[in-house]
Structure formats: C-alpha cells, structure tokens
Amino acid sequence: MLALTVLGLLLSSAAGTPAQSTAPPVKGHTIGESVAEFVQKLGAESRARFQGCAAKAGTKEKVSIDCRNFQTVASSGGNGVIVCSNPRYNMDMCRDFEGVAGFSKNELVVLNLKITNTPWESALEDTVKKFGQPTETHVEVKQNLFGARWELRNTVWIASKYTVLLYEDVDPKATPSQFIRFTITDKKYIDEKKSNPAKSALD
C-alpha cells in the first residue's frame, strides 16, 4: 500500500527537534481521529455515500469494491485504508481529496495526499506555514531506462507526536507526470513499526 511504502521513508529519517506536539488538521482531518469521525468530517456527498454503504452491511445486496473495503475497515475495528479520489474521476466513495487515509486500531495514523498542478515552492510554503521549519531537506535523482532524469526534492518535519513528509514524485504514464505527495504519520504508529519490523520474505 502507498501509505506503508511512504512509512519506509519516514522510518529511515533521523530524529530531530520536535516542531509541534499536536498535529494541526489537514484537509479537515486530524491524526488520531476514528473512522466514524473521518467520515463525519467529509463533505455532504462523500458522507452520504459512506452512510449508504454502511446501511448495506450484512445484507446480500451487491456493493462496489470501495464500499466492500470500507465495510471491512469498519468491521475489523478500524484497521485498513480508505482511498479518496479526485472528483473528476467519479470513482471511490471519498472524493474530497486525492489520496489515502490509513487506520490502525480505529485511529487515523497515516494521511497521504497527491498534489497536482502546484509548484513545489508553493506546496513547501503552505507546509511551512502549517508545520514550521522542516527538520531535513534532500534531493533524490531518478533515471528511467531511456535516460530521462529527474531531481526530486523531499522535505521532512519530525515532531514529538507525528512526522510529515513532502516530496516530489514522478510517473511517466501519468498526466501530469511529475507531482507532489504529502504524508503525515502518527509517531506512535511509526515507533510500533520500528519495534515490530516485517519479516523478510527469505526468512
């Protein structure tokens, strides 16, 4: 999952001076909120789709894949991910933003957003306004088989209760091909992953 892939980047970041103790809201959502609170904070149209989906739980009525996924998240005690898509795609029940919300033990632990048509400088400025000065800044060079190269910037904010990662990404098949991702992750969740690393496929 995308949220877990990004978690790997966060786990490899060095510790820094905490910027803030409590994470400010992002797209109206706050780290630690429950699945029910997440749904309640969505726009009216998205919220109605989730409520309609919940009403079908336990019935034999055929539902969409994203509805079935939400029912699984809800019935598991709030574990799993909810995918949100751009409204123009007319996909997924959550259409308030493009990204992924990850839950563990009925708490929002990861929120990943895809940001398009926004210059890096503007996205960075917005993030600094909300989270303060970053802890680390790096540049990663990527190159494909055809020799095309990209210099992709990534910036990290490490606070006592959360970690933020703003980074450039590229997908030659997408339009636009270069975009920005924003991820905020619960620090407690990161620490749990550190203490319980995934087993190697070769062990």
C-alpha atoms as a PDB file:
ATOM      1  CA  MET A   1       0.000   0.000   0.000  1.00  0.00           C
ATOM      2  CA  LEU A   2       1.108   3.531  -0.694  1.00  0.00           C
ATOM      3  CA  ALA A   3       0.770   4.569   2.940  1.00  0.00           C
ATOM      4  CA  LEU A   4       3.052   1.762   4.063  1.00  0.00           C
ATOM      5  CA  THR A   5       5.564   2.463   1.292  1.00  0.00           C
ATOM      6  CA  VAL A   6       5.865   6.055   2.454  1.00  0.00           C
ATOM      7  CA  LEU A   7       6.260   4.791   6.005  1.00  0.00           C
ATOM      8  CA  GLY A   8       9.562   3.250   4.939  1.00  0.00           C
ATOM      9  CA  LEU A   9      10.882   6.699   4.034  1.00  0.00           C
ATOM     10  CA  LEU A  10       9.807   8.061   7.389  1.00  0.00           C
ATOM     11  CA  LEU A  11      11.422   5.211   9.327  1.00  0.00           C
ATOM     12  CA  SER A  12      14.764   5.962   7.688  1.00  0.00           C
ATOM     13  CA  SER A  13      14.686   9.656   8.670  1.00  0.00           C
ATOM     14  CA  ALA A  14      16.880  10.827  11.515  1.00  0.00           C
ATOM     15  CA  ALA A  15      15.295  12.218  14.677  1.00  0.00           C
ATOM     16  CA  GLY A  16      15.135  15.984  15.019  1.00  0.00           C
ATOM     17  CA  THR A  17      13.874  18.706  17.284  1.00  0.00           C
ATOM     18  CA  PRO A  18      10.078  18.477  17.607  1.00  0.00           C
ATOM     19  CA  ALA A  19       8.320  21.324  15.847  1.00  0.00           C
ATOM     20  CA  GLN A  20       4.846  20.860  17.372  1.00  0.00           C
ATOM     21  CA  SER A  21       3.387  18.358  19.820  1.00  0.00           C
ATOM     22  CA  THR A  22      -0.115  18.032  18.330  1.00  0.00           C
ATOM     23  CA  ALA A  23      -0.661  17.754  14.602  1.00  0.00           C
ATOM     24  CA  PRO A  24      -2.789  20.509  13.046  1.00  0.00           C
ATOM     25  CA  PRO A  25      -5.657  19.348  10.807  1.00  0.00           C
ATOM     26  CA  VAL A  26      -5.010  18.524   7.156  1.00  0.00           C
ATOM     27  CA  LYS A  27      -7.968  18.684   4.759  1.00  0.00           C
ATOM     28  CA  GLY A  28     -10.083  18.947   7.901  1.00  0.00           C
ATOM     29  CA  HIS A  29      -8.764  15.666   9.341  1.00  0.00           C
ATOM     30  CA  THR A  30      -6.585  15.122  12.397  1.00  0.00           C
ATOM     31  CA  ILE A  31      -4.210  12.280  13.219  1.00  0.00           C
ATOM     32  CA  GLY A  32      -5.846  10.093  15.859  1.00  0.00           C
ATOM     33  CA  GLU A  33      -9.451  10.574  14.780  1.00  0.00           C
ATOM     34  CA  SER A  34     -11.674   7.498  14.444  1.00  0.00           C
ATOM     35  CA  VAL A  35     -13.129   6.058  11.238  1.00  0.00           C
ATOM     36  CA  ALA A  36     -16.538   7.474  12.198  1.00  0.00           C
ATOM     37  CA  GLU A  37     -15.043  10.917  12.816  1.00  0.00           C
ATOM     38  CA  PHE A  38     -13.236  10.769   9.472  1.00  0.00           C
ATOM     39  CA  VAL A  39     -16.472  10.026   7.638  1.00  0.00           C
ATOM     40  CA  GLN A  40     -18.367  12.686   9.590  1.00  0.00           C
ATOM     41  CA  LYS A  41     -15.842  15.351   8.543  1.00  0.00           C
ATOM     42  CA  LEU A  42     -16.186  14.573   4.835  1.00  0.00           C
ATOM     43  CA  GLY A  43     -18.293  16.714   2.521  1.00  0.00           C
ATOM     44  CA  ALA A  44     -22.010  16.008   2.322  1.00  0.00           C
ATOM     45  CA  GLU A  45     -21.824  13.979  -0.922  1.00  0.00           C
ATOM     46  CA  SER A  46     -18.957  11.755   0.236  1.00  0.00           C
ATOM     47  CA  ARG A  47     -20.533  11.324   3.659  1.00  0.00           C
ATOM     48  CA  ALA A  48     -23.834  10.233   2.101  1.00  0.00           C
ATOM     49  CA  ARG A  49     -22.045   7.554   0.044  1.00  0.00           C
ATOM     50  CA  PHE A  50     -20.380   6.129   3.167  1.00  0.00           C
ATOM     51  CA  GLN A  51     -23.645   6.169   5.113  1.00  0.00           C
ATOM     52  CA  GLY A  52     -25.391   4.376   2.267  1.00  0.00           C
ATOM     53  CA  CYS A  53     -22.629   1.793   2.178  1.00  0.00           C
ATOM     54  CA  ALA A  54     -22.810   1.212   5.938  1.00  0.00           C
ATOM     55  CA  ALA A  55     -26.554   0.627   5.672  1.00  0.00           C
ATOM     56  CA  LYS A  56     -25.900  -2.268   3.274  1.00  0.00           C
ATOM     57  CA  ALA A  57     -23.513  -4.062   5.644  1.00  0.00           C
ATOM     58  CA  GLY A  58     -24.712  -7.566   6.490  1.00  0.00           C
ATOM     59  CA  THR A  59     -27.141  -7.675   3.556  1.00  0.00           C
ATOM     60  CA  LYS A  60     -26.857  -9.667   0.345  1.00  0.00           C
ATOM     61  CA  GLU A  61     -27.015  -6.522  -1.768  1.00  0.00           C
ATOM     62  CA  LYS A  62     -24.159  -6.226  -4.253  1.00  0.00           C
ATOM     63  CA  VAL A  63     -21.822  -3.336  -3.436  1.00  0.00           C
ATOM     64  CA  SER A  64     -18.835  -1.663  -5.113  1.00  0.00           C
ATOM     65  CA  ILE A  65     -15.240  -2.614  -4.292  1.00  0.00           C
ATOM     66  CA  ASP A  66     -14.610   0.578  -2.327  1.00  0.00           C
ATOM     67  CA  CYS A  67     -17.821   0.030  -0.329  1.00  0.00           C
ATOM     68  CA  ARG A  68     -16.792  -3.528   0.472  1.00  0.00           C
ATOM     69  CA  ASN A  69     -13.377  -2.248   1.528  1.00  0.00           C
ATOM     70  CA  PHE A  70     -14.959   0.323   3.860  1.00  0.00           C
ATOM     71  CA  GLN A  71     -17.202  -2.343   5.386  1.00  0.00           C
ATOM     72  CA  THR A  72     -14.078  -4.426   6.046  1.00  0.00           C
ATOM     73  CA  VAL A  73     -12.304  -1.482   7.700  1.00  0.00           C
ATOM     74  CA  ALA A  74     -15.326  -0.794   9.894  1.00  0.00           C
ATOM     75  CA  SER A  75     -15.955  -4.431  10.850  1.00  0.00           C
ATOM     76  CA  SER A  76     -12.275  -5.041  11.678  1.00  0.00           C
ATOM     77  CA  GLY A  77     -12.306  -2.470  14.445  1.00  0.00           C
ATOM     78  CA  GLY A  78     -10.910   0.305  12.280  1.00  0.00           C
ATOM     79  CA  ASN A  79      -7.914  -1.286  10.534  1.00  0.00           C
ATOM     80  CA  GLY A  80      -7.087  -0.668   6.880  1.00  0.00           C
ATOM     81  CA  VAL A  81      -7.157   2.115   4.322  1.00  0.00           C
ATOM     82  CA  ILE A  82      -9.786   4.330   2.716  1.00  0.00           C
ATOM     83  CA  VAL A  83      -8.917   5.568  -0.777  1.00  0.00           C
ATOM     84  CA  CYS A  84     -10.049   9.034  -1.842  1.00  0.00           C
ATOM     85  CA  SER A  85     -10.058  10.114  -5.475  1.00  0.00           C
ATOM     86  CA  ASN A  86     -10.292  13.314  -7.452  1.00  0.00           C
ATOM     87  CA  PRO A  87     -13.967  14.186  -8.015  1.00  0.00           C
ATOM     88  CA  ARG A  88     -13.466  14.385 -11.781  1.00  0.00           C
ATOM     89  CA  TYR A  89     -12.729  10.646 -11.903  1.00  0.00           C
ATOM     90  CA  ASN A  90     -16.165   9.762 -10.478  1.00  0.00           C
ATOM     91  CA  MET A  91     -14.583   6.931  -8.506  1.00  0.00           C
ATOM     92  CA  ASP A  92     -14.460   5.860  -4.845  1.00  0.00           C
ATOM     93  CA  MET A  93     -16.861   6.991  -2.166  1.00  0.00           C
ATOM     94  CA  CYS A  94     -14.462   9.592  -0.760  1.00  0.00           C
ATOM     95  CA  ARG A  95     -13.973  12.409  -3.267  1.00  0.00           C
ATOM     96  CA  ASP A  96     -12.895  15.265  -1.002  1.00  0.00           C
ATOM     97  CA  PHE A  97      -9.233  14.945  -1.992  1.00  0.00           C
ATOM     98  CA  GLU A  98      -6.913  12.596  -3.856  1.00  0.00           C
ATOM     99  CA  GLY A  99      -5.034  10.304  -1.513  1.00  0.00           C
ATOM    100  CA  VAL A 100      -5.174   7.572   1.096  1.00  0.00           C
ATOM    101  CA  ALA A 101      -6.244   7.537   4.754  1.00  0.00           C
ATOM    102  CA  GLY A 102      -4.722   4.711   6.804  1.00  0.00           C
ATOM    103  CA  PHE A 103      -6.271   3.475  10.054  1.00  0.00           C
ATOM    104  CA  SER A 104      -4.951   1.265  12.851  1.00  0.00           C
ATOM    105  CA  LYS A 105      -6.984   0.329  15.929  1.00  0.00           C
ATOM    106  CA  ASN A 106      -9.687   2.800  14.876  1.00  0.00           C
ATOM    107  CA  GLU A 107      -7.290   5.741  14.720  1.00  0.00           C
ATOM    108  CA  LEU A 108      -6.173   7.721  11.675  1.00  0.00           C
ATOM    109  CA  VAL A 109      -2.424   7.055  11.584  1.00  0.00           C
ATOM    110  CA  VAL A 110      -1.466   7.992   8.010  1.00  0.00           C
ATOM    111  CA  LEU A 111      -2.869  10.601   5.640  1.00  0.00           C
ATOM    112  CA  ASN A 112      -1.286  10.752   2.189  1.00  0.00           C
ATOM    113  CA  LEU A 113      -2.284  13.387  -0.374  1.00  0.00           C
ATOM    114  CA  LYS A 114      -1.425  13.693  -4.062  1.00  0.00           C
ATOM    115  CA  ILE A 115      -0.900  17.322  -5.063  1.00  0.00           C
ATOM    116  CA  THR A 116      -1.020  18.233  -8.759  1.00  0.00           C
ATOM    117  CA  ASN A 117      -0.778  21.498 -10.687  1.00  0.00           C
ATOM    118  CA  THR A 118       1.008  23.156  -7.760  1.00  0.00           C
ATOM    119  CA  PRO A 119       4.651  24.319  -7.906  1.00  0.00           C
ATOM    120  CA  TRP A 120       6.999  22.811  -5.334  1.00  0.00           C
ATOM    121  CA  GLU A 121       7.720  26.241  -3.868  1.00  0.00           C
ATOM    122  CA  SER A 122       4.027  26.878  -3.198  1.00  0.00           C
ATOM    123  CA  ALA A 123       3.446  23.457  -1.629  1.00  0.00           C
ATOM    124  CA  LEU A 124       6.534  23.892   0.538  1.00  0.00           C
ATOM    125  CA  GLU A 125       5.430  27.366   1.646  1.00  0.00           C
ATOM    126  CA  ASP A 126       1.975  26.064   2.606  1.00  0.00           C
ATOM    127  CA  THR A 127       3.513  23.213   4.591  1.00  0.00           C
ATOM    128  CA  VAL A 128       5.952  25.504   6.412  1.00  0.00           C
ATOM    129  CA  LYS A 129       3.070  27.811   7.385  1.00  0.00           C
ATOM    130  CA  LYS A 130       1.242  24.869   8.973  1.00  0.00           C
ATOM    131  CA  PHE A 131       4.138  22.886  10.461  1.00  0.00           C
ATOM    132  CA  GLY A 132       7.024  25.331  10.858  1.00  0.00           C
ATOM    133  CA  GLN A 133      10.558  24.974   9.521  1.00  0.00           C
ATOM    134  CA  PRO A 134      11.493  21.467   8.297  1.00  0.00           C
ATOM    135  CA  THR A 135      13.892  19.119  10.044  1.00  0.00           C
ATOM    136  CA  GLU A 136      15.583  17.789   6.884  1.00  0.00           C
ATOM    137  CA  THR A 137      15.707  18.521   3.159  1.00  0.00           C
ATOM    138  CA  HIS A 138      17.106  16.188   0.482  1.00  0.00           C
ATOM    139  CA  VAL A 139      17.301  15.797  -3.303  1.00  0.00           C
ATOM    140  CA  GLU A 140      16.986  12.391  -4.946  1.00  0.00           C
ATOM    141  CA  VAL A 141      17.927  11.754  -8.574  1.00  0.00           C
ATOM    142  CA  LYS A 142      15.840   9.238 -10.526  1.00  0.00           C
ATOM    143  CA  GLN A 143      16.515   7.963 -14.026  1.00  0.00           C
ATOM    144  CA  ASN A 144      14.498   5.631 -16.240  1.00  0.00           C
ATOM    145  CA  LEU A 145      15.697   3.116 -18.817  1.00  0.00           C
ATOM    146  CA  PHE A 146      15.520   5.729 -21.572  1.00  0.00           C
ATOM    147  CA  GLY A 147      17.903   8.090 -19.812  1.00  0.00           C
ATOM    148  CA  ALA A 148      15.353  10.641 -18.598  1.00  0.00           C
ATOM    149  CA  ARG A 149      16.445  12.106 -15.254  1.00  0.00           C
ATOM    150  CA  TRP A 150      14.534  13.878 -12.511  1.00  0.00           C
ATOM    151  CA  GLU A 151      15.847  15.712  -9.467  1.00  0.00           C
ATOM    152  CA  LEU A 152      13.151  15.151  -6.880  1.00  0.00           C
ATOM    153  CA  ARG A 153      13.082  17.135  -3.635  1.00  0.00           C
ATOM    154  CA  ASN A 154      11.838  15.773  -0.315  1.00  0.00           C
ATOM    155  CA  THR A 155      11.471  17.566   2.997  1.00  0.00           C
ATOM    156  CA  VAL A 156      10.797  16.104   6.444  1.00  0.00           C
ATOM    157  CA  TRP A 157       9.243  17.535   9.612  1.00  0.00           C
ATOM    158  CA  ILE A 158       9.730  15.453  12.771  1.00  0.00           C
ATOM    159  CA  ALA A 159       7.639  16.366  15.823  1.00  0.00           C
ATOM    160  CA  SER A 160       7.080  14.502  19.075  1.00  0.00           C
ATOM    161  CA  LYS A 161       3.716  13.042  18.012  1.00  0.00           C
ATOM    162  CA  TYR A 162       3.843  12.988  14.212  1.00  0.00           C
ATOM    163  CA  THR A 163       6.089  13.112  11.174  1.00  0.00           C
ATOM    164  CA  VAL A 164       5.436  14.969   7.909  1.00  0.00           C
ATOM    165  CA  LEU A 165       6.976  14.192   4.545  1.00  0.00           C
ATOM    166  CA  LEU A 166       6.570  16.444   1.490  1.00  0.00           C
ATOM    167  CA  TYR A 167       8.186  15.035  -1.623  1.00  0.00           C
ATOM    168  CA  GLU A 168       8.196  15.189  -5.392  1.00  0.00           C
ATOM    169  CA  ASP A 169       7.292  12.042  -7.293  1.00  0.00           C
ATOM    170  CA  VAL A 170       7.201  11.074 -10.946  1.00  0.00           C
ATOM    171  CA  ASP A 171       5.139   8.694 -13.069  1.00  0.00           C
ATOM    172  CA  PRO A 172       5.850   8.947 -16.813  1.00  0.00           C
ATOM    173  CA  LYS A 173       2.481   7.318 -17.562  1.00  0.00           C
ATOM    174  CA  ALA A 174       0.505   9.875 -15.555  1.00  0.00           C
ATOM    175  CA  THR A 175      -0.665  13.360 -16.528  1.00  0.00           C
ATOM    176  CA  PRO A 176       0.998  15.415 -15.207  1.00  0.00           C
ATOM    177  CA  SER A 177       3.997  13.084 -14.968  1.00  0.00           C
ATOM    178  CA  GLN A 178       5.596  14.962 -12.055  1.00  0.00           C
ATOM    179  CA  PHE A 179       3.615  15.792  -8.935  1.00  0.00           C
ATOM    180  CA  ILE A 180       3.928  16.221  -5.176  1.00  0.00           C
ATOM    181  CA  ARG A 181       2.914  13.959  -2.324  1.00  0.00           C
ATOM    182  CA  PHE A 182       2.249  14.996   1.263  1.00  0.00           C
ATOM    183  CA  THR A 183       2.169  12.464   4.091  1.00  0.00           C
ATOM    184  CA  ILE A 184       1.547  12.928   7.797  1.00  0.00           C
ATOM    185  CA  THR A 185       2.067   9.875  10.019  1.00  0.00           C
ATOM    186  CA  ASP A 186       1.381   9.242  13.695  1.00  0.00           C
ATOM    187  CA  LYS A 187       4.712   8.961  15.559  1.00  0.00           C
ATOM    188  CA  LYS A 188       3.347   6.227  17.819  1.00  0.00           C
ATOM    189  CA  TYR A 189       2.480   4.188  14.740  1.00  0.00           C
ATOM    190  CA  ILE A 190       6.000   4.668  13.362  1.00  0.00           C
ATOM    191  CA  ASP A 191       7.522   3.541  16.657  1.00  0.00           C
ATOM    192  CA  GLU A 192       5.330   0.425  16.650  1.00  0.00           C
ATOM    193  CA  LYS A 193       6.543  -0.442  13.154  1.00  0.00           C
ATOM    194  CA  LYS A 194      10.133   0.037  14.289  1.00  0.00           C
ATOM    195  CA  SER A 195       9.683  -2.322  17.222  1.00  0.00           C
ATOM    196  CA  ASN A 196       7.807  -4.898  15.118  1.00  0.00           C
ATOM    197  CA  PRO A 197       9.559  -4.946  11.721  1.00  0.00           C
ATOM    198  CA  ALA A 198       8.062  -7.003   8.910  1.00  0.00           C
ATOM    199  CA  LYS A 199       9.593 -10.426   8.447  1.00  0.00           C
ATOM    200  CA  SER A 200      11.864 -10.955   5.471  1.00  0.00           C
ATOM    201  CA  ALA A 201      10.377 -12.969   2.625  1.00  0.00           C
ATOM    202  CA  LEU A 202      13.565 -15.069   2.711  1.00  0.00           C
ATOM    203  CA  ASP A 203      13.445 -15.920   6.430  1.00  0.00           C
END
